[in-house]
């Protein structure tokens, strides 16, 4: 895989990486991963932010494809979408391989 191709692959995961750049969102992801689907109100318990703030963070995660929600009765239940995280991880791994190869070529050139 060329570096340019790896860069394009990473671009497909930019929203996922951006969403992961916040402690609160990481906490929400961890909670959903450990406890399964939940409501914003339940996720807010023990967090230093309000239910409304958790809802805003869930909207960011949903836009990135990391979580999805569905209305069940009067509640909106959110669940983790591990496929989005797995795809981003695979893209990051592919880019890492390309970067390692580029660094190896640079090392060989400098030492050669």
C-alpha atoms as a PDB file:
ATOM      1  CA  UNK A   1       0.000   0.000   0.000  1.00  0.00           C
ATOM      2  CA  UNK A   2       1.414   3.374  -0.941  1.00  0.00           C
ATOM      3  CA  UNK A   3       1.556   6.233   1.547  1.00  0.00           C
ATOM      4  CA  UNK A   4      -0.950   8.188  -0.550  1.00  0.00           C
ATOM      5  CA  UNK A   5      -3.386   5.267  -0.481  1.00  0.00           C
ATOM      6  CA  UNK A   6      -2.957   4.873   3.284  1.00  0.00           C
ATOM      7  CA  UNK A   7      -3.616   8.599   3.666  1.00  0.00           C
ATOM      8  CA  UNK A   8      -6.846   8.277   1.673  1.00  0.00           C
ATOM      9  CA  UNK A   9      -7.908   5.307   3.791  1.00  0.00           C
ATOM     10  CA  UNK A  10      -7.268   7.300   6.970  1.00  0.00           C
ATOM     11  CA  UNK A  11      -9.335  10.181   5.597  1.00  0.00           C
ATOM     12  CA  UNK A  12     -12.352   7.870   5.645  1.00  0.00           C
ATOM     13  CA  UNK A  13     -11.968   7.603   9.437  1.00  0.00           C
ATOM     14  CA  UNK A  14     -11.325  11.258  10.257  1.00  0.00           C
ATOM     15  CA  UNK A  15     -14.694  11.687  11.979  1.00  0.00           C
ATOM     16  CA  UNK A  16     -14.036   8.597  14.112  1.00  0.00           C
ATOM     17  CA  UNK A  17     -10.599   9.840  15.157  1.00  0.00           C
ATOM     18  CA  UNK A  18     -11.994  13.317  15.897  1.00  0.00           C
ATOM     19  CA  UNK A  19     -14.798  11.833  18.003  1.00  0.00           C
ATOM     20  CA  UNK A  20     -12.271   9.793  19.983  1.00  0.00           C
ATOM     21  CA  UNK A  21     -10.364  12.959  20.887  1.00  0.00           C
ATOM     22  CA  UNK A  22     -12.521  13.745  23.926  1.00  0.00           C
ATOM     23  CA  UNK A  23     -12.393  12.156  27.398  1.00  0.00           C
ATOM     24  CA  UNK A  24     -16.135  12.348  27.891  1.00  0.00           C
ATOM     25  CA  UNK A  25     -16.802  10.558  24.616  1.00  0.00           C
ATOM     26  CA  UNK A  26     -14.198   7.907  25.489  1.00  0.00           C
ATOM     27  CA  UNK A  27     -15.996   7.448  28.818  1.00  0.00           C
ATOM     28  CA  UNK A  28     -19.317   7.003  27.034  1.00  0.00           C
ATOM     29  CA  UNK A  29     -17.810   4.469  24.623  1.00  0.00           C
ATOM     30  CA  UNK A  30     -16.228   2.585  27.521  1.00  0.00           C
ATOM     31  CA  UNK A  31     -19.503   2.532  29.427  1.00  0.00           C
ATOM     32  CA  UNK A  32     -21.452   1.275  26.410  1.00  0.00           C
ATOM     33  CA  UNK A  33     -18.774  -1.327  25.726  1.00  0.00           C
ATOM     34  CA  UNK A  34     -18.777  -2.580  29.311  1.00  0.00           C
ATOM     35  CA  UNK A  35     -22.486  -2.371  30.134  1.00  0.00           C
ATOM     36  CA  UNK A  36     -24.237  -2.533  26.785  1.00  0.00           C
ATOM     37  CA  UNK A  37     -26.938  -0.230  25.391  1.00  0.00           C
ATOM     38  CA  UNK A  38     -28.099   2.593  27.626  1.00  0.00           C
ATOM     39  CA  UNK A  39     -29.942   5.899  27.734  1.00  0.00           C
ATOM     40  CA  UNK A  40     -28.294   9.315  28.018  1.00  0.00           C
ATOM     41  CA  UNK A  41     -29.725   9.661  31.523  1.00  0.00           C
ATOM     42  CA  UNK A  42     -28.138   6.405  32.683  1.00  0.00           C
ATOM     43  CA  UNK A  43     -24.837   7.254  30.988  1.00  0.00           C
ATOM     44  CA  UNK A  44     -24.783  10.648  32.762  1.00  0.00           C
ATOM     45  CA  UNK A  45     -24.860   8.995  36.205  1.00  0.00           C
ATOM     46  CA  UNK A  46     -21.403   9.392  37.698  1.00  0.00           C
ATOM     47  CA  UNK A  47     -20.240  11.789  34.994  1.00  0.00           C
ATOM     48  CA  UNK A  48     -19.427  15.407  35.760  1.00  0.00           C
ATOM     49  CA  UNK A  49     -21.802  16.587  33.014  1.00  0.00           C
ATOM     50  CA  UNK A  50     -25.567  16.777  32.583  1.00  0.00           C
ATOM     51  CA  UNK A  51     -27.799  14.374  30.684  1.00  0.00           C
ATOM     52  CA  UNK A  52     -28.189  17.044  27.993  1.00  0.00           C
ATOM     53  CA  UNK A  53     -24.408  17.306  27.632  1.00  0.00           C
ATOM     54  CA  UNK A  54     -24.180  13.510  27.353  1.00  0.00           C
ATOM     55  CA  UNK A  55     -26.839  13.713  24.641  1.00  0.00           C
ATOM     56  CA  UNK A  56     -24.710  16.189  22.688  1.00  0.00           C
ATOM     57  CA  UNK A  57     -21.694  13.904  22.994  1.00  0.00           C
ATOM     58  CA  UNK A  58     -23.792  10.951  21.827  1.00  0.00           C
ATOM     59  CA  UNK A  59     -24.850  12.981  18.770  1.00  0.00           C
ATOM     60  CA  UNK A  60     -21.174  13.539  17.883  1.00  0.00           C
ATOM     61  CA  UNK A  61     -20.449   9.829  18.323  1.00  0.00           C
ATOM     62  CA  UNK A  62     -23.494   8.937  16.213  1.00  0.00           C
ATOM     63  CA  UNK A  63     -22.397  11.286  13.433  1.00  0.00           C
ATOM     64  CA  UNK A  64     -19.054   9.473  13.382  1.00  0.00           C
ATOM     65  CA  UNK A  65     -20.865   6.120  13.244  1.00  0.00           C
ATOM     66  CA  UNK A  66     -19.472   4.942  16.586  1.00  0.00           C
ATOM     67  CA  UNK A  67     -22.876   4.666  18.282  1.00  0.00           C
ATOM     68  CA  UNK A  68     -26.428   4.380  17.079  1.00  0.00           C
ATOM     69  CA  UNK A  69     -29.650   5.030  18.868  1.00  0.00           C
ATOM     70  CA  UNK A  70     -33.227   3.922  18.620  1.00  0.00           C
ATOM     71  CA  UNK A  71     -36.367   4.987  20.351  1.00  0.00           C
ATOM     72  CA  UNK A  72     -37.831   2.317  22.590  1.00  0.00           C
ATOM     73  CA  UNK A  73     -41.039   3.583  24.103  1.00  0.00           C
ATOM     74  CA  UNK A  74     -40.341   6.984  25.609  1.00  0.00           C
ATOM     75  CA  UNK A  75     -36.583   6.454  25.820  1.00  0.00           C
ATOM     76  CA  UNK A  76     -33.791   6.771  23.321  1.00  0.00           C
ATOM     77  CA  UNK A  77     -31.411   3.835  23.786  1.00  0.00           C
ATOM     78  CA  UNK A  78     -27.854   4.076  22.510  1.00  0.00           C
ATOM     79  CA  UNK A  79     -25.556   1.211  21.579  1.00  0.00           C
ATOM     80  CA  UNK A  80     -21.996   0.862  20.422  1.00  0.00           C
ATOM     81  CA  UNK A  81     -21.181   0.199  16.764  1.00  0.00           C
ATOM     82  CA  UNK A  82     -17.847  -1.630  17.036  1.00  0.00           C
ATOM     83  CA  UNK A  83     -17.524  -1.922  13.250  1.00  0.00           C
ATOM     84  CA  UNK A  84     -16.712   1.804  12.973  1.00  0.00           C
ATOM     85  CA  UNK A  85     -13.932   1.479  15.547  1.00  0.00           C
ATOM     86  CA  UNK A  86     -12.608  -1.704  13.939  1.00  0.00           C
ATOM     87  CA  UNK A  87     -12.516  -0.091  10.492  1.00  0.00           C
ATOM     88  CA  UNK A  88     -10.636   2.921  11.860  1.00  0.00           C
ATOM     89  CA  UNK A  89      -8.201   0.587  13.622  1.00  0.00           C
ATOM     90  CA  UNK A  90      -7.559  -1.353  10.412  1.00  0.00           C
ATOM     91  CA  UNK A  91      -6.970   1.880   8.492  1.00  0.00           C
ATOM     92  CA  UNK A  92      -4.563   3.097  11.167  1.00  0.00           C
ATOM     93  CA  UNK A  93      -2.704  -0.226  11.081  1.00  0.00           C
ATOM     94  CA  UNK A  94      -2.397  -0.072   7.285  1.00  0.00           C
ATOM     95  CA  UNK A  95      -1.079   3.475   7.484  1.00  0.00           C
ATOM     96  CA  UNK A  96       1.403   2.402  10.156  1.00  0.00           C
ATOM     97  CA  UNK A  97       2.754  -0.330   7.871  1.00  0.00           C
ATOM     98  CA  UNK A  98       3.163   2.203   5.047  1.00  0.00           C
ATOM     99  CA  UNK A  99       4.882   4.697   7.355  1.00  0.00           C
ATOM    100  CA  UNK A 100       7.229   1.993   8.689  1.00  0.00           C
ATOM    101  CA  UNK A 101       8.188   1.067   5.120  1.00  0.00           C
ATOM    102  CA  UNK A 102       8.824   4.725   4.257  1.00  0.00           C
ATOM    103  CA  UNK A 103      11.021   5.150   7.334  1.00  0.00           C
ATOM    104  CA  UNK A 104      12.939   1.994   6.439  1.00  0.00           C
ATOM    105  CA  UNK A 105      13.558   3.346   2.916  1.00  0.00           C
ATOM    106  CA  UNK A 106      14.774   6.633   4.417  1.00  0.00           C
ATOM    107  CA  UNK A 107      17.087   4.782   6.818  1.00  0.00           C
ATOM    108  CA  UNK A 108      18.511   2.706   3.953  1.00  0.00           C
ATOM    109  CA  UNK A 109      19.046   5.844   1.867  1.00  0.00           C
ATOM    110  CA  UNK A 110      20.784   7.734   4.691  1.00  0.00           C
ATOM    111  CA  UNK A 111      22.985   4.782   5.676  1.00  0.00           C
ATOM    112  CA  UNK A 112      23.554   3.607   2.120  1.00  0.00           C
END
